[in-house]
Amino acid sequence: MPGFVAIFDLSDDTDTSMYIPKKSLTEDDIPTFYALVADTYIVAITSLSPSNPYLIGLTSFDGQVAFFDLRSPESDTFPLHRQRGTPPQQTANF
């Protein structure tokens, strides 16, 4: 099962004087962002806000760690590949 991310705007459009979140989503609400970002289930997700408000970091079930930019998720994805097992032996050449 692939991992999708959906972002919803929870602000109440009727009150423009301040930000008041809605109590819940309705079936009429559609996400402001929806994209496939992982090949398997998403295990953990975090925003890098406030220093990088458009960057999202995630870990998927297959162990992959990725960062993507909400402004262009297709072109700005940075996968970090993990290594299974023990690291290779390094020999010193003196």
N, C-alpha and C. Protein backbone atom coordinates (compact mmCIF):
# COMPACT_ATOMS: atom_id res chain seq x y z
N MET A 1 0.85 -1.17 0.00
CA MET A 1 0.00 0.00 0.00
C MET A 1 0.89 1.24 0.00
N PRO A 2 0.74 2.11 -0.97
CA PRO A 2 1.56 3.32 -1.03
C PRO A 2 1.17 4.34 0.03
N GLY A 3 2.11 5.25 0.32
CA GLY A 3 1.89 6.27 1.34
C GLY A 3 1.55 7.61 0.72
N PHE A 4 0.36 8.09 1.01
CA PHE A 4 -0.09 9.39 0.54
C PHE A 4 -0.12 10.37 1.70
N VAL A 5 0.08 11.65 1.39
CA VAL A 5 -0.05 12.72 2.37
C VAL A 5 -1.16 13.65 1.90
N ALA A 6 -2.07 13.99 2.81
CA ALA A 6 -3.14 14.94 2.53
C ALA A 6 -3.07 16.05 3.58
N ILE A 7 -3.17 17.28 3.13
CA ILE A 7 -3.15 18.43 4.04
C ILE A 7 -4.46 19.19 3.84
N PHE A 8 -5.14 19.46 4.95
CA PHE A 8 -6.41 20.17 4.92
C PHE A 8 -6.27 21.53 5.58
N ASP A 9 -7.01 22.50 5.08
CA ASP A 9 -7.10 23.81 5.70
C ASP A 9 -8.21 23.75 6.75
N LEU A 10 -7.84 23.86 8.02
CA LEU A 10 -8.81 23.74 9.10
C LEU A 10 -9.32 25.08 9.62
N SER A 11 -8.99 26.15 8.91
CA SER A 11 -9.45 27.46 9.38
C SER A 11 -10.93 27.66 9.06
N ASP A 12 -11.58 28.47 9.86
CA ASP A 12 -12.98 28.79 9.69
C ASP A 12 -13.06 30.04 8.82
N ASP A 13 -13.60 29.89 7.61
CA ASP A 13 -13.64 31.01 6.67
C ASP A 13 -14.65 32.10 7.05
N THR A 14 -15.54 31.82 7.98
CA THR A 14 -16.57 32.79 8.32
C THR A 14 -16.03 33.89 9.22
N ASP A 15 -14.99 33.61 9.99
CA ASP A 15 -14.43 34.61 10.90
C ASP A 15 -13.04 35.00 10.40
N THR A 16 -12.93 36.20 9.82
CA THR A 16 -11.66 36.64 9.26
C THR A 16 -10.83 37.44 10.26
N SER A 17 -11.36 37.73 11.45
CA SER A 17 -10.63 38.54 12.41
C SER A 17 -9.53 37.75 13.12
N MET A 18 -9.72 36.43 13.23
CA MET A 18 -8.71 35.61 13.90
C MET A 18 -8.82 34.18 13.39
N TYR A 19 -7.78 33.41 13.64
CA TYR A 19 -7.78 32.01 13.23
C TYR A 19 -8.52 31.17 14.26
N ILE A 20 -9.61 30.55 13.85
CA ILE A 20 -10.37 29.66 14.71
C ILE A 20 -10.50 28.33 13.96
N PRO A 21 -9.92 27.27 14.47
CA PRO A 21 -10.00 25.99 13.76
C PRO A 21 -11.41 25.41 13.80
N LYS A 22 -11.72 24.65 12.75
CA LYS A 22 -12.99 23.95 12.72
C LYS A 22 -12.98 22.83 13.75
N LYS A 23 -14.15 22.41 14.15
CA LYS A 23 -14.23 21.31 15.10
C LYS A 23 -13.94 19.97 14.42
N SER A 24 -14.32 19.82 13.16
CA SER A 24 -14.05 18.58 12.43
C SER A 24 -14.19 18.83 10.93
N LEU A 25 -13.68 17.89 10.15
CA LEU A 25 -13.81 17.96 8.70
C LEU A 25 -15.18 17.45 8.29
N THR A 26 -15.70 17.99 7.20
CA THR A 26 -16.94 17.48 6.63
C THR A 26 -16.61 16.79 5.32
N GLU A 27 -17.58 16.11 4.75
CA GLU A 27 -17.32 15.41 3.49
C GLU A 27 -17.12 16.38 2.33
N ASP A 28 -17.49 17.64 2.50
CA ASP A 28 -17.29 18.64 1.45
C ASP A 28 -15.86 19.20 1.44
N ASP A 29 -15.13 18.98 2.52
CA ASP A 29 -13.76 19.47 2.59
C ASP A 29 -12.85 18.62 1.70
N ILE A 30 -12.05 19.31 0.90
CA ILE A 30 -11.07 18.60 0.07
C ILE A 30 -9.69 19.06 0.51
N PRO A 31 -8.68 18.20 0.37
CA PRO A 31 -7.34 18.60 0.81
C PRO A 31 -6.76 19.69 -0.08
N THR A 32 -5.98 20.56 0.53
CA THR A 32 -5.27 21.58 -0.24
C THR A 32 -4.02 21.00 -0.87
N PHE A 33 -3.59 19.84 -0.36
CA PHE A 33 -2.42 19.13 -0.89
C PHE A 33 -2.67 17.64 -0.75
N TYR A 34 -2.42 16.88 -1.83
CA TYR A 34 -2.58 15.44 -1.78
C TYR A 34 -1.57 14.84 -2.75
N ALA A 35 -0.66 14.01 -2.25
CA ALA A 35 0.38 13.45 -3.12
C ALA A 35 0.88 12.12 -2.61
N LEU A 36 1.32 11.29 -3.54
CA LEU A 36 2.01 10.04 -3.21
C LEU A 36 3.45 10.39 -2.88
N VAL A 37 3.90 10.06 -1.67
CA VAL A 37 5.24 10.43 -1.24
C VAL A 37 6.08 9.25 -0.77
N ALA A 38 5.49 8.06 -0.68
CA ALA A 38 6.24 6.88 -0.23
C ALA A 38 5.69 5.64 -0.93
N ASP A 39 6.55 4.63 -1.07
CA ASP A 39 6.14 3.38 -1.72
C ASP A 39 5.35 2.47 -0.79
N THR A 40 5.48 2.66 0.52
CA THR A 40 4.77 1.84 1.50
C THR A 40 4.11 2.76 2.53
N TYR A 41 3.52 2.16 3.56
CA TYR A 41 2.86 2.93 4.61
C TYR A 41 3.80 3.96 5.22
N ILE A 42 3.26 5.11 5.61
CA ILE A 42 4.04 6.13 6.31
C ILE A 42 3.96 5.83 7.80
N VAL A 43 5.13 5.70 8.42
CA VAL A 43 5.21 5.36 9.83
C VAL A 43 5.27 6.62 10.68
N ALA A 44 6.05 7.61 10.24
CA ALA A 44 6.20 8.87 10.99
C ALA A 44 6.29 10.01 10.00
N ILE A 45 5.73 11.13 10.39
CA ILE A 45 5.76 12.33 9.54
C ILE A 45 5.92 13.55 10.44
N THR A 46 6.68 14.52 9.96
CA THR A 46 6.89 15.75 10.74
C THR A 46 7.10 16.93 9.82
N SER A 47 6.69 18.08 10.29
CA SER A 47 6.94 19.33 9.58
C SER A 47 8.24 19.92 10.10
N LEU A 48 9.00 20.55 9.24
CA LEU A 48 10.24 21.19 9.65
C LEU A 48 10.01 22.68 9.93
N SER A 49 8.77 23.03 10.23
CA SER A 49 8.39 24.39 10.57
C SER A 49 8.87 24.70 11.99
N PRO A 50 9.19 25.88 12.35
CA PRO A 50 9.01 27.14 11.66
C PRO A 50 10.20 27.54 10.78
N SER A 51 11.35 26.91 10.93
CA SER A 51 12.51 27.35 10.14
C SER A 51 12.36 27.01 8.66
N ASN A 52 11.72 25.88 8.34
CA ASN A 52 11.48 25.48 6.95
C ASN A 52 10.03 25.06 6.80
N PRO A 53 9.10 26.01 6.71
CA PRO A 53 7.67 25.67 6.78
C PRO A 53 7.16 24.83 5.62
N TYR A 54 7.88 24.77 4.51
CA TYR A 54 7.40 24.00 3.37
C TYR A 54 8.01 22.61 3.28
N LEU A 55 8.90 22.27 4.20
CA LEU A 55 9.55 20.96 4.17
C LEU A 55 8.86 19.98 5.11
N ILE A 56 8.69 18.76 4.63
CA ILE A 56 8.09 17.67 5.39
C ILE A 56 9.08 16.51 5.39
N GLY A 57 9.27 15.92 6.56
CA GLY A 57 10.12 14.73 6.67
C GLY A 57 9.25 13.54 7.03
N LEU A 58 9.58 12.37 6.47
CA LEU A 58 8.79 11.19 6.78
C LEU A 58 9.64 9.94 6.76
N THR A 59 9.16 8.92 7.45
CA THR A 59 9.75 7.59 7.43
C THR A 59 8.66 6.63 7.01
N SER A 60 8.97 5.75 6.07
CA SER A 60 7.97 4.79 5.60
C SER A 60 8.25 3.41 6.18
N PHE A 61 7.30 2.51 6.00
CA PHE A 61 7.36 1.18 6.59
C PHE A 61 8.58 0.38 6.11
N ASP A 62 9.04 0.66 4.88
CA ASP A 62 10.21 -0.06 4.36
C ASP A 62 11.53 0.51 4.86
N GLY A 63 11.48 1.50 5.76
CA GLY A 63 12.68 2.04 6.37
C GLY A 63 13.27 3.23 5.66
N GLN A 64 12.66 3.68 4.59
CA GLN A 64 13.19 4.82 3.86
C GLN A 64 12.82 6.12 4.59
N VAL A 65 13.75 7.05 4.60
CA VAL A 65 13.54 8.38 5.16
C VAL A 65 13.60 9.35 4.01
N ALA A 66 12.64 10.26 3.92
CA ALA A 66 12.62 11.21 2.82
C ALA A 66 12.18 12.58 3.32
N PHE A 67 12.64 13.59 2.62
CA PHE A 67 12.21 14.96 2.85
C PHE A 67 11.68 15.49 1.53
N PHE A 68 10.57 16.22 1.58
CA PHE A 68 10.06 16.80 0.35
C PHE A 68 9.52 18.19 0.62
N ASP A 69 9.48 18.98 -0.45
CA ASP A 69 9.03 20.37 -0.39
C ASP A 69 7.58 20.42 -0.86
N LEU A 70 6.69 20.97 -0.06
CA LEU A 70 5.27 21.04 -0.41
C LEU A 70 5.02 21.86 -1.67
N ARG A 71 5.91 22.78 -1.98
CA ARG A 71 5.71 23.62 -3.15
C ARG A 71 5.94 22.87 -4.45
N SER A 72 6.77 21.84 -4.44
CA SER A 72 7.01 21.01 -5.63
C SER A 72 7.48 19.63 -5.20
N PRO A 73 6.57 18.78 -4.73
CA PRO A 73 6.97 17.49 -4.16
C PRO A 73 7.58 16.52 -5.17
N GLU A 74 7.25 16.66 -6.45
CA GLU A 74 7.79 15.74 -7.45
C GLU A 74 9.27 16.02 -7.72
N SER A 75 9.65 17.28 -7.71
CA SER A 75 11.03 17.61 -8.08
C SER A 75 11.95 17.81 -6.88
N ASP A 76 11.40 18.06 -5.72
CA ASP A 76 12.23 18.33 -4.55
C ASP A 76 12.06 17.27 -3.47
N THR A 77 12.37 16.02 -3.81
CA THR A 77 12.33 14.93 -2.85
C THR A 77 13.75 14.47 -2.59
N PHE A 78 14.10 14.32 -1.33
CA PHE A 78 15.45 13.96 -0.96
C PHE A 78 15.42 12.66 -0.17
N PRO A 79 15.56 11.51 -0.83
CA PRO A 79 15.55 10.25 -0.07
C PRO A 79 16.89 10.02 0.63
N LEU A 80 16.82 9.50 1.82
CA LEU A 80 18.01 9.09 2.57
C LEU A 80 17.95 7.58 2.69
N HIS A 81 18.88 6.90 2.04
CA HIS A 81 18.85 5.45 2.01
C HIS A 81 19.51 4.87 3.25
N ARG A 82 18.90 3.86 3.78
CA ARG A 82 19.44 3.22 4.96
C ARG A 82 20.28 2.02 4.53
N GLN A 83 21.12 1.56 5.43
CA GLN A 83 21.98 0.42 5.16
C GLN A 83 21.57 -0.71 6.09
N ARG A 84 21.38 -1.88 5.53
CA ARG A 84 21.00 -3.04 6.33
C ARG A 84 22.26 -3.79 6.73
N GLY A 85 22.23 -4.33 7.91
CA GLY A 85 23.34 -5.14 8.37
C GLY A 85 24.46 -4.30 8.94
N THR A 86 25.60 -4.93 9.11
CA THR A 86 26.75 -4.23 9.67
C THR A 86 27.49 -3.47 8.58
N PRO A 87 28.13 -2.38 8.93
CA PRO A 87 28.87 -1.63 7.93
C PRO A 87 30.06 -2.43 7.42
N PRO A 88 30.48 -2.20 6.19
CA PRO A 88 31.62 -2.93 5.65
C PRO A 88 32.89 -2.61 6.43
N GLN A 89 33.78 -3.60 6.49
CA GLN A 89 35.05 -3.42 7.18
C GLN A 89 35.93 -2.49 6.37
N GLN A 90 36.55 -1.57 7.06
CA GLN A 90 37.47 -0.64 6.40
C GLN A 90 38.88 -1.03 6.81
N THR A 91 39.76 -1.10 5.86
CA THR A 91 41.16 -1.42 6.14
C THR A 91 42.00 -0.17 5.96
N ALA A 92 42.96 -0.03 6.80
CA ALA A 92 43.87 1.11 6.71
C ALA A 92 45.07 0.74 5.85
N ASN A 93 45.38 1.58 4.90
CA ASN A 93 46.55 1.37 4.05
C ASN A 93 47.64 2.31 4.49
N PHE A 94 48.66 1.76 5.17
CA PHE A 94 49.77 2.59 5.64
C PHE A 94 50.97 2.38 4.78
